[in-house]
N, C-alpha and C. Protein backbone atom coordinates (compact mmCIF):
# COMPACT_ATOMS: atom_id res chain seq x y z
N MET A 1 12.78 17.53 -13.20
CA MET A 1 12.44 16.24 -12.63
C MET A 1 12.34 15.21 -13.74
N ARG A 2 12.92 14.11 -13.57
CA ARG A 2 12.92 13.07 -14.55
C ARG A 2 11.84 12.01 -14.19
N THR A 3 11.16 11.60 -15.17
CA THR A 3 10.10 10.53 -15.03
C THR A 3 10.63 9.30 -15.76
N ASP A 4 10.73 8.21 -15.01
CA ASP A 4 11.14 6.96 -15.65
C ASP A 4 10.06 5.94 -15.44
N ARG A 5 10.19 4.83 -16.03
CA ARG A 5 9.17 3.75 -15.98
C ARG A 5 8.99 3.29 -14.53
N ARG A 6 10.04 3.08 -13.78
CA ARG A 6 9.97 2.61 -12.40
C ARG A 6 9.14 3.57 -11.56
N GLY A 7 9.44 4.85 -11.63
CA GLY A 7 8.69 5.87 -10.89
C GLY A 7 7.23 5.89 -11.19
N VAL A 8 6.89 5.75 -12.47
CA VAL A 8 5.47 5.75 -12.86
C VAL A 8 4.80 4.51 -12.27
N LEU A 9 5.43 3.33 -12.35
CA LEU A 9 4.85 2.10 -11.83
C LEU A 9 4.70 2.18 -10.27
N GLN A 10 5.68 2.71 -9.61
CA GLN A 10 5.62 2.80 -8.15
C GLN A 10 4.49 3.76 -7.72
N GLY A 11 4.36 4.88 -8.46
CA GLY A 11 3.30 5.87 -8.15
C GLY A 11 1.94 5.26 -8.37
N GLY A 12 1.79 4.54 -9.47
CA GLY A 12 0.49 3.90 -9.73
C GLY A 12 0.18 2.86 -8.71
N ALA A 13 1.11 2.05 -8.26
CA ALA A 13 0.88 1.08 -7.23
C ALA A 13 0.45 1.71 -5.93
N LEU A 14 1.09 2.80 -5.56
CA LEU A 14 0.78 3.57 -4.29
C LEU A 14 -0.63 4.10 -4.38
N VAL A 15 -0.98 4.76 -5.48
CA VAL A 15 -2.33 5.32 -5.63
C VAL A 15 -3.34 4.24 -5.61
N GLY A 16 -3.10 3.11 -6.23
CA GLY A 16 -4.04 2.01 -6.20
C GLY A 16 -4.24 1.45 -4.87
N ALA A 17 -3.20 1.26 -4.07
CA ALA A 17 -3.25 0.76 -2.73
C ALA A 17 -4.06 1.69 -1.83
N VAL A 18 -3.77 2.97 -1.92
CA VAL A 18 -4.48 3.96 -1.10
C VAL A 18 -5.95 4.02 -1.48
N ALA A 19 -6.30 3.90 -2.73
CA ALA A 19 -7.67 3.93 -3.15
C ALA A 19 -8.38 2.65 -2.77
N ALA A 20 -7.74 1.54 -2.75
CA ALA A 20 -8.40 0.27 -2.44
C ALA A 20 -8.77 0.09 -0.95
N VAL A 21 -8.04 0.73 -0.07
CA VAL A 21 -8.32 0.48 1.41
C VAL A 21 -9.70 0.96 1.75
N PRO A 22 -10.10 2.25 1.43
CA PRO A 22 -11.47 2.65 1.81
C PRO A 22 -12.56 1.80 1.04
N VAL A 23 -12.30 1.46 -0.17
CA VAL A 23 -13.25 0.62 -0.92
C VAL A 23 -13.44 -0.74 -0.24
N ALA A 24 -12.36 -1.34 0.17
CA ALA A 24 -12.43 -2.68 0.87
C ALA A 24 -13.09 -2.51 2.19
N ALA A 25 -12.80 -1.46 2.91
CA ALA A 25 -13.39 -1.25 4.27
C ALA A 25 -14.85 -1.01 4.09
N HIS A 26 -15.27 -0.26 3.07
CA HIS A 26 -16.70 0.02 2.84
C HIS A 26 -17.47 -1.27 2.47
N ALA A 27 -16.85 -2.09 1.68
CA ALA A 27 -17.51 -3.38 1.31
C ALA A 27 -17.65 -4.23 2.54
N ALA A 28 -16.62 -4.30 3.39
CA ALA A 28 -16.73 -5.07 4.62
C ALA A 28 -17.78 -4.49 5.54
N SER A 29 -17.92 -3.12 5.49
CA SER A 29 -18.88 -2.45 6.35
C SER A 29 -20.33 -2.84 5.91
N ALA A 30 -20.56 -2.92 4.59
CA ALA A 30 -21.91 -3.26 4.16
C ALA A 30 -22.32 -4.64 4.63
N VAL A 31 -21.32 -5.59 4.56
CA VAL A 31 -21.63 -6.96 4.99
C VAL A 31 -21.85 -6.93 6.52
N ALA A 32 -21.01 -6.22 7.24
CA ALA A 32 -21.10 -6.18 8.71
C ALA A 32 -22.38 -5.48 9.19
N THR A 33 -22.78 -4.46 8.50
CA THR A 33 -24.02 -3.75 8.93
C THR A 33 -25.25 -4.63 8.68
N GLU A 34 -25.28 -5.40 7.63
CA GLU A 34 -26.40 -6.30 7.40
C GLU A 34 -26.51 -7.38 8.46
N ALA A 35 -25.40 -7.98 8.79
CA ALA A 35 -25.42 -9.14 9.66
C ALA A 35 -25.21 -8.75 11.15
N ALA A 36 -24.81 -7.56 11.44
CA ALA A 36 -24.41 -7.24 12.84
C ALA A 36 -25.52 -6.63 13.60
N GLY A 37 -25.60 -6.94 14.88
CA GLY A 37 -26.43 -6.25 15.79
C GLY A 37 -25.82 -4.86 16.10
N MET A 38 -24.52 -4.86 16.28
CA MET A 38 -23.78 -3.66 16.61
C MET A 38 -22.44 -3.68 15.88
N VAL A 39 -21.94 -2.43 15.64
CA VAL A 39 -20.58 -2.31 15.03
C VAL A 39 -19.73 -1.50 15.93
N VAL A 40 -18.51 -1.89 16.20
CA VAL A 40 -17.58 -1.23 17.05
C VAL A 40 -16.41 -0.74 16.13
N TYR A 41 -16.05 0.57 16.27
CA TYR A 41 -14.96 1.12 15.45
C TYR A 41 -14.25 2.22 16.23
N ASP A 42 -13.15 2.68 15.68
CA ASP A 42 -12.42 3.80 16.27
C ASP A 42 -12.21 4.88 15.21
N SER A 43 -12.91 5.99 15.37
CA SER A 43 -12.90 7.06 14.34
C SER A 43 -11.53 7.76 14.19
N ARG A 44 -10.60 7.50 15.12
CA ARG A 44 -9.27 8.06 15.03
C ARG A 44 -8.37 7.32 13.93
N LEU A 45 -8.94 6.14 13.51
CA LEU A 45 -8.25 5.29 12.51
C LEU A 45 -9.03 5.38 11.26
N ALA A 46 -8.43 5.85 10.16
CA ALA A 46 -9.15 6.02 8.90
C ALA A 46 -9.87 4.76 8.40
N GLU A 47 -9.18 3.62 8.45
CA GLU A 47 -9.77 2.38 7.98
C GLU A 47 -10.98 1.97 8.84
N SER A 48 -10.84 2.15 10.10
CA SER A 48 -11.91 1.77 11.01
C SER A 48 -13.14 2.68 10.84
N ALA A 49 -12.90 3.97 10.73
CA ALA A 49 -13.96 4.94 10.51
C ALA A 49 -14.71 4.64 9.21
N SER A 50 -13.95 4.29 8.16
CA SER A 50 -14.58 3.95 6.89
C SER A 50 -15.39 2.68 6.99
N PHE A 51 -14.92 1.72 7.77
CA PHE A 51 -15.58 0.48 7.97
C PHE A 51 -16.95 0.64 8.57
N ALA A 52 -17.11 1.50 9.52
CA ALA A 52 -18.36 1.66 10.24
C ALA A 52 -19.29 2.68 9.57
N GLY A 53 -18.74 3.54 8.77
CA GLY A 53 -19.52 4.58 8.14
C GLY A 53 -20.24 5.51 9.12
N GLY A 54 -19.66 5.70 10.30
CA GLY A 54 -20.22 6.64 11.23
C GLY A 54 -21.37 5.99 12.10
N ARG A 55 -21.63 4.70 11.91
CA ARG A 55 -22.69 4.14 12.67
C ARG A 55 -22.07 3.10 13.65
N GLY A 56 -22.63 3.07 14.87
CA GLY A 56 -22.13 2.09 15.81
C GLY A 56 -21.51 2.75 16.98
N ILE A 57 -20.62 1.98 17.64
CA ILE A 57 -19.97 2.43 18.91
C ILE A 57 -18.56 2.91 18.54
N ASP A 58 -18.29 4.16 18.74
CA ASP A 58 -17.03 4.78 18.45
C ASP A 58 -16.14 4.79 19.67
N LEU A 59 -15.03 4.02 19.68
CA LEU A 59 -14.14 3.96 20.81
C LEU A 59 -13.34 5.21 21.01
N ALA A 60 -13.38 6.14 20.06
CA ALA A 60 -12.68 7.46 20.20
C ALA A 60 -13.44 8.32 21.17
N VAL A 61 -14.73 8.14 21.35
CA VAL A 61 -15.54 9.00 22.21
C VAL A 61 -16.11 8.24 23.42
N MET A 62 -15.83 6.96 23.48
CA MET A 62 -16.45 6.11 24.52
C MET A 62 -15.35 5.18 25.06
N SER A 63 -15.36 5.05 26.39
CA SER A 63 -14.39 4.12 27.00
C SER A 63 -14.81 2.65 26.72
N LEU A 64 -13.92 1.75 26.91
CA LEU A 64 -14.24 0.29 26.71
C LEU A 64 -15.34 -0.16 27.66
N ARG A 65 -15.38 0.33 28.87
CA ARG A 65 -16.47 0.01 29.81
C ARG A 65 -17.81 0.52 29.28
N GLU A 66 -17.81 1.75 28.79
CA GLU A 66 -19.06 2.36 28.26
C GLU A 66 -19.52 1.56 27.04
N ALA A 67 -18.55 1.19 26.22
CA ALA A 67 -18.86 0.39 25.06
C ALA A 67 -19.47 -0.94 25.43
N HIS A 68 -18.83 -1.56 26.38
CA HIS A 68 -19.35 -2.83 26.91
C HIS A 68 -20.76 -2.68 27.45
N ALA A 69 -21.10 -1.65 28.10
CA ALA A 69 -22.46 -1.38 28.64
C ALA A 69 -23.40 -1.13 27.44
N ALA A 70 -22.97 -0.40 26.40
CA ALA A 70 -23.82 -0.16 25.25
C ALA A 70 -24.08 -1.40 24.46
N LEU A 71 -23.18 -2.39 24.53
CA LEU A 71 -23.41 -3.66 23.81
C LEU A 71 -24.29 -4.65 24.54
N ALA A 72 -24.83 -4.25 25.71
CA ALA A 72 -25.67 -5.13 26.50
C ALA A 72 -26.86 -5.59 25.63
N GLY A 73 -27.12 -6.91 25.65
CA GLY A 73 -28.23 -7.44 24.92
C GLY A 73 -27.96 -7.76 23.47
N SER A 74 -26.77 -7.35 22.92
CA SER A 74 -26.43 -7.62 21.53
C SER A 74 -26.16 -9.12 21.40
N THR A 75 -26.68 -9.69 20.31
CA THR A 75 -26.38 -11.11 20.02
C THR A 75 -25.35 -11.27 18.98
N ARG A 76 -25.00 -10.17 18.29
CA ARG A 76 -23.97 -10.21 17.22
C ARG A 76 -23.22 -8.87 17.22
N VAL A 77 -21.88 -8.90 17.24
CA VAL A 77 -21.08 -7.63 17.25
C VAL A 77 -20.00 -7.81 16.22
N GLU A 78 -19.77 -6.80 15.47
CA GLU A 78 -18.72 -6.76 14.42
C GLU A 78 -17.78 -5.59 14.75
N GLY A 79 -16.51 -5.71 14.47
CA GLY A 79 -15.57 -4.60 14.77
C GLY A 79 -14.36 -4.56 13.94
N LEU A 80 -13.77 -3.39 13.82
CA LEU A 80 -12.50 -3.20 13.22
C LEU A 80 -11.76 -2.22 14.13
N THR A 81 -10.88 -2.79 14.99
CA THR A 81 -10.21 -2.04 16.02
C THR A 81 -8.77 -2.44 16.15
N ARG A 82 -8.08 -1.72 17.01
CA ARG A 82 -6.69 -2.10 17.36
C ARG A 82 -6.76 -3.47 18.17
N TRP A 83 -5.60 -4.12 18.20
CA TRP A 83 -5.55 -5.41 18.93
C TRP A 83 -5.91 -5.25 20.38
N SER A 84 -5.39 -4.19 21.06
CA SER A 84 -5.60 -3.99 22.43
C SER A 84 -7.09 -3.80 22.77
N ASP A 85 -7.80 -3.06 21.97
CA ASP A 85 -9.25 -2.86 22.18
C ASP A 85 -9.95 -4.16 21.97
N TRP A 86 -9.61 -4.92 20.91
CA TRP A 86 -10.24 -6.16 20.61
C TRP A 86 -10.06 -7.15 21.76
N THR A 87 -8.89 -7.18 22.38
CA THR A 87 -8.57 -8.13 23.45
C THR A 87 -9.46 -7.88 24.66
N VAL A 88 -9.62 -6.58 25.01
CA VAL A 88 -10.41 -6.24 26.17
C VAL A 88 -11.91 -6.53 25.87
N LEU A 89 -12.40 -6.06 24.76
CA LEU A 89 -13.79 -6.30 24.40
C LEU A 89 -14.13 -7.77 24.25
N ARG A 90 -13.20 -8.53 23.68
CA ARG A 90 -13.47 -9.99 23.57
C ARG A 90 -13.67 -10.61 24.95
N GLY A 91 -12.84 -10.30 25.90
CA GLY A 91 -12.98 -10.83 27.23
C GLY A 91 -14.32 -10.42 27.89
N LEU A 92 -14.68 -9.14 27.74
CA LEU A 92 -15.93 -8.72 28.33
C LEU A 92 -17.14 -9.29 27.67
N LEU A 93 -17.09 -9.48 26.35
CA LEU A 93 -18.24 -10.04 25.62
C LEU A 93 -18.33 -11.56 25.86
N GLU A 94 -17.20 -12.21 26.05
CA GLU A 94 -17.23 -13.64 26.34
C GLU A 94 -17.88 -13.89 27.67
N GLU A 95 -17.72 -12.98 28.63
CA GLU A 95 -18.37 -13.10 29.91
C GLU A 95 -19.92 -13.10 29.75
N ARG A 96 -20.41 -12.45 28.70
CA ARG A 96 -21.83 -12.33 28.41
C ARG A 96 -22.31 -13.49 27.54
N GLY A 97 -21.47 -14.39 27.18
CA GLY A 97 -21.90 -15.55 26.39
C GLY A 97 -21.65 -15.44 24.88
N LEU A 98 -21.07 -14.34 24.41
CA LEU A 98 -20.76 -14.22 22.99
C LEU A 98 -19.43 -14.99 22.70
N ARG A 99 -19.31 -15.55 21.55
CA ARG A 99 -18.07 -16.24 21.18
C ARG A 99 -17.56 -15.72 19.83
N ARG A 100 -16.26 -15.78 19.70
CA ARG A 100 -15.61 -15.31 18.48
C ARG A 100 -16.06 -16.15 17.26
N THR A 101 -16.48 -15.56 16.18
CA THR A 101 -16.84 -16.27 14.99
C THR A 101 -15.86 -15.95 13.85
N ALA A 102 -15.15 -14.84 13.93
CA ALA A 102 -14.14 -14.54 12.91
C ALA A 102 -13.15 -13.52 13.51
N GLU A 103 -11.93 -13.60 12.97
CA GLU A 103 -10.85 -12.67 13.40
C GLU A 103 -9.82 -12.69 12.33
N ALA A 104 -9.48 -11.49 11.82
CA ALA A 104 -8.46 -11.34 10.79
C ALA A 104 -7.69 -10.04 10.89
N ARG A 105 -6.42 -10.07 10.71
CA ARG A 105 -5.57 -8.86 10.76
C ARG A 105 -5.57 -8.22 9.40
N LEU A 106 -5.86 -6.91 9.40
CA LEU A 106 -5.88 -6.13 8.13
C LEU A 106 -4.75 -5.10 8.14
N GLY A 107 -4.26 -4.84 7.01
CA GLY A 107 -3.25 -3.75 6.91
C GLY A 107 -3.92 -2.37 7.17
N ALA A 108 -3.19 -1.45 7.67
CA ALA A 108 -3.74 -0.16 7.93
C ALA A 108 -2.77 0.96 7.53
N PRO A 109 -2.51 1.09 6.19
CA PRO A 109 -1.50 2.06 5.75
C PRO A 109 -1.90 3.51 5.99
N LEU A 110 -3.17 3.80 5.93
CA LEU A 110 -3.55 5.20 6.11
C LEU A 110 -3.38 5.73 7.50
N SER A 111 -3.61 4.88 8.48
CA SER A 111 -3.50 5.30 9.86
C SER A 111 -2.11 5.03 10.44
N GLY A 112 -1.25 4.34 9.70
CA GLY A 112 0.11 4.10 10.09
C GLY A 112 0.24 2.99 11.10
N HIS A 113 -0.70 2.08 11.22
CA HIS A 113 -0.54 0.95 12.08
C HIS A 113 -0.12 -0.26 11.37
N ASP A 114 0.52 -1.24 12.06
CA ASP A 114 0.96 -2.45 11.40
C ASP A 114 -0.19 -3.35 11.14
N GLY A 115 -1.38 -3.04 11.61
CA GLY A 115 -2.56 -3.84 11.32
C GLY A 115 -3.62 -3.61 12.32
N LEU A 116 -4.84 -3.74 11.86
CA LEU A 116 -6.04 -3.64 12.71
C LEU A 116 -6.64 -5.03 12.64
N LEU A 117 -7.50 -5.28 13.64
CA LEU A 117 -8.22 -6.58 13.64
C LEU A 117 -9.66 -6.38 13.29
N ARG A 118 -10.03 -7.13 12.27
CA ARG A 118 -11.49 -7.23 11.87
C ARG A 118 -12.01 -8.48 12.58
N TRP A 119 -13.06 -8.26 13.38
CA TRP A 119 -13.54 -9.41 14.19
C TRP A 119 -15.03 -9.42 14.27
N SER A 120 -15.56 -10.62 14.61
CA SER A 120 -17.00 -10.82 14.75
C SER A 120 -17.18 -11.72 16.01
N MET A 121 -18.24 -11.42 16.74
CA MET A 121 -18.64 -12.30 17.85
C MET A 121 -20.20 -12.46 17.79
N ALA A 122 -20.59 -13.68 18.18
CA ALA A 122 -22.04 -13.90 18.15
C ALA A 122 -22.43 -14.80 19.35
N ALA A 123 -23.69 -14.72 19.74
CA ALA A 123 -24.18 -15.57 20.84
C ALA A 123 -24.27 -17.01 20.29
N ARG A 124 -24.01 -17.93 21.22
CA ARG A 124 -24.14 -19.35 20.76
C ARG A 124 -25.50 -19.88 21.12
């Protein structure tokens, strides 16, 4: 096997990107946990599971309706989910008076998705 400069640089970039995703998700998790009443995540997605750190509402074991019921009374909700889950939850939470305060698409190379949505909702 030959090792050339390009291969070393590509390998280093890949290792750096893979290592950075859980670190970034954990940093976002710390901020979300401090400010959030509830955290919503999907443990089937590595980035989402890392974001929540095992705390909150796991969409892998709970339906969206059950999650909606569990969020009753929350004045602030943070999440890192697929777009489809976010769309449904956003509609259900808006019915309860919560409004979107932040929304951003994040890369999800570990779980093989083209992006997850990091979102926040709060009561007005």
